[in-house]
C-alpha atoms as a PDB file:
ATOM      1  CA  UNK A   1      -2.699 -37.309 -39.597  1.00  0.00           C
ATOM      2  CA  UNK A   2      -3.419 -33.885 -38.572  1.00  0.00           C
ATOM      3  CA  UNK A   3      -6.877 -34.317 -36.400  1.00  0.00           C
ATOM      4  CA  UNK A   4      -4.619 -36.889 -34.316  1.00  0.00           C
ATOM      5  CA  UNK A   5      -1.880 -34.617 -33.050  1.00  0.00           C
ATOM      6  CA  UNK A   6      -4.650 -31.804 -32.849  1.00  0.00           C
ATOM      7  CA  UNK A   7      -6.859 -34.092 -30.604  1.00  0.00           C
ATOM      8  CA  UNK A   8      -3.840 -35.367 -28.120  1.00  0.00           C
ATOM      9  CA  UNK A   9      -1.837 -31.465 -27.841  1.00  0.00           C
ATOM     10  CA  UNK A  10      -5.743 -30.887 -26.966  1.00  0.00           C
ATOM     11  CA  UNK A  11      -5.945 -34.216 -24.380  1.00  0.00           C
ATOM     12  CA  UNK A  12      -2.306 -33.162 -22.930  1.00  0.00           C
ATOM     13  CA  UNK A  13      -3.530 -29.410 -22.379  1.00  0.00           C
ATOM     14  CA  UNK A  14      -6.558 -30.523 -20.816  1.00  0.00           C
ATOM     15  CA  UNK A  15      -4.861 -33.179 -17.714  1.00  0.00           C
ATOM     16  CA  UNK A  16      -2.759 -30.414 -17.409  1.00  0.00           C
ATOM     17  CA  UNK A  17      -5.666 -27.989 -16.670  1.00  0.00           C
ATOM     18  CA  UNK A  18      -7.397 -30.376 -14.099  1.00  0.00           C
ATOM     19  CA  UNK A  19      -3.998 -31.539 -12.296  1.00  0.00           C
ATOM     20  CA  UNK A  20      -2.889 -27.848 -11.746  1.00  0.00           C
ATOM     21  CA  UNK A  21      -6.906 -27.283 -10.649  1.00  0.00           C
ATOM     22  CA  UNK A  22      -6.564 -29.798  -8.128  1.00  0.00           C
ATOM     23  CA  UNK A  23      -3.306 -28.837  -6.703  1.00  0.00           C
ATOM     24  CA  UNK A  24      -4.872 -25.174  -6.347  1.00  0.00           C
ATOM     25  CA  UNK A  25      -7.272 -26.362  -4.596  1.00  0.00           C
ATOM     26  CA  UNK A  26      -5.218 -28.667  -2.344  1.00  0.00           C
ATOM     27  CA  UNK A  27      -2.712 -25.541  -1.765  1.00  0.00           C
ATOM     28  CA  UNK A  28      -5.301 -22.787  -1.213  1.00  0.00           C
ATOM     29  CA  UNK A  29      -8.764 -23.470  -2.374  1.00  0.00           C
ATOM     30  CA  UNK A  30      -9.835 -25.487   0.300  1.00  0.00           C
ATOM     31  CA  UNK A  31      -8.415 -22.606   3.271  1.00  0.00           C
ATOM     32  CA  UNK A  32     -10.521 -20.046   1.029  1.00  0.00           C
ATOM     33  CA  UNK A  33     -13.789 -21.754   0.674  1.00  0.00           C
ATOM     34  CA  UNK A  34     -13.434 -22.535   4.215  1.00  0.00           C
ATOM     35  CA  UNK A  35     -12.232 -18.944   5.476  1.00  0.00           C
ATOM     36  CA  UNK A  36     -15.577 -17.862   3.130  1.00  0.00           C
ATOM     37  CA  UNK A  37     -17.857 -20.481   4.700  1.00  0.00           C
ATOM     38  CA  UNK A  38     -16.756 -19.102   8.519  1.00  0.00           C
ATOM     39  CA  UNK A  39     -17.065 -15.333   7.727  1.00  0.00           C
ATOM     40  CA  UNK A  40     -20.792 -16.036   6.423  1.00  0.00           C
ATOM     41  CA  UNK A  41     -21.744 -17.993   9.338  1.00  0.00           C
ATOM     42  CA  UNK A  42     -20.324 -14.786  11.289  1.00  0.00           C
ATOM     43  CA  UNK A  43     -21.692 -12.237   9.397  1.00  0.00           C
ATOM     44  CA  UNK A  44     -25.231 -11.319   9.350  1.00  0.00           C
ATOM     45  CA  UNK A  45     -27.188 -12.875   6.567  1.00  0.00           C
ATOM     46  CA  UNK A  46     -28.500  -9.392   5.248  1.00  0.00           C
ATOM     47  CA  UNK A  47     -24.552  -8.700   3.798  1.00  0.00           C
ATOM     48  CA  UNK A  48     -24.614 -11.338   1.921  1.00  0.00           C
ATOM     49  CA  UNK A  49     -28.342 -10.252   0.163  1.00  0.00           C
ATOM     50  CA  UNK A  50     -29.974 -13.267   0.719  1.00  0.00           C
ATOM     51  CA  UNK A  51     -32.871 -12.181   3.450  1.00  0.00           C
ATOM     52  CA  UNK A  52     -33.223  -9.476   0.765  1.00  0.00           C
ATOM     53  CA  UNK A  53     -36.077  -8.914  -1.360  1.00  0.00           C
ATOM     54  CA  UNK A  54     -35.131  -5.667  -2.671  1.00  0.00           C
ATOM     55  CA  UNK A  55     -31.825  -4.608  -3.500  1.00  0.00           C
ATOM     56  CA  UNK A  56     -32.099  -1.540  -2.364  1.00  0.00           C
ATOM     57  CA  UNK A  57     -32.122  -2.648   1.260  1.00  0.00           C
ATOM     58  CA  UNK A  58     -28.463  -3.805   1.027  1.00  0.00           C
ATOM     59  CA  UNK A  59     -27.643  -0.611  -0.235  1.00  0.00           C
ATOM     60  CA  UNK A  60     -28.796   1.325   3.162  1.00  0.00           C
ATOM     61  CA  UNK A  61     -26.925  -0.875   4.921  1.00  0.00           C
ATOM     62  CA  UNK A  62     -23.788   0.458   3.353  1.00  0.00           C
ATOM     63  CA  UNK A  63     -21.592   3.333   5.129  1.00  0.00           C
ATOM     64  CA  UNK A  64     -21.319   6.832   3.769  1.00  0.00           C
ATOM     65  CA  UNK A  65     -18.190   6.350   0.960  1.00  0.00           C
ATOM     66  CA  UNK A  66     -17.804  10.023   1.175  1.00  0.00           C
ATOM     67  CA  UNK A  67     -16.922   9.529   5.165  1.00  0.00           C
ATOM     68  CA  UNK A  68     -14.949   6.841   4.271  1.00  0.00           C
ATOM     69  CA  UNK A  69     -12.918   8.287   1.715  1.00  0.00           C
ATOM     70  CA  UNK A  70     -12.201  11.126   3.960  1.00  0.00           C
ATOM     71  CA  UNK A  71     -11.321   9.251   6.861  1.00  0.00           C
ATOM     72  CA  UNK A  72      -8.722   7.628   4.753  1.00  0.00           C
ATOM     73  CA  UNK A  73      -7.214  10.493   3.284  1.00  0.00           C
ATOM     74  CA  UNK A  74      -6.354  12.084   6.319  1.00  0.00           C
ATOM     75  CA  UNK A  75      -5.035   8.548   7.359  1.00  0.00           C
ATOM     76  CA  UNK A  76      -2.821   8.885   3.934  1.00  0.00           C
ATOM     77  CA  UNK A  77      -1.558  12.414   5.377  1.00  0.00           C
ATOM     78  CA  UNK A  78      -0.676  11.369   8.724  1.00  0.00           C
ATOM     79  CA  UNK A  79       1.479   8.480   7.300  1.00  0.00           C
ATOM     80  CA  UNK A  80       3.277   9.782   4.873  1.00  0.00           C
ATOM     81  CA  UNK A  81       4.277  12.917   7.423  1.00  0.00           C
ATOM     82  CA  UNK A  82       7.851  13.738   7.448  1.00  0.00           C
ATOM     83  CA  UNK A  83       9.419  12.663  11.168  1.00  0.00           C
END
């Protein structure tokens, strides 16, 4: 008796999860997938690490994080100045 109740609840939960996943895919998933595919086509293959045999080559293409953070700090200071 207990096993029947547990299995029924399990089946209901599984059907609900599959239905919610389907709704998510119809509403957001297709758009996210198509955006990723179009972004992948516009960027060079080295950005995704597909062409590189050495993982360190990917790190060489990244900009300097210290410089980026200093630019970000300057931007936040400019935006926070009272007018």
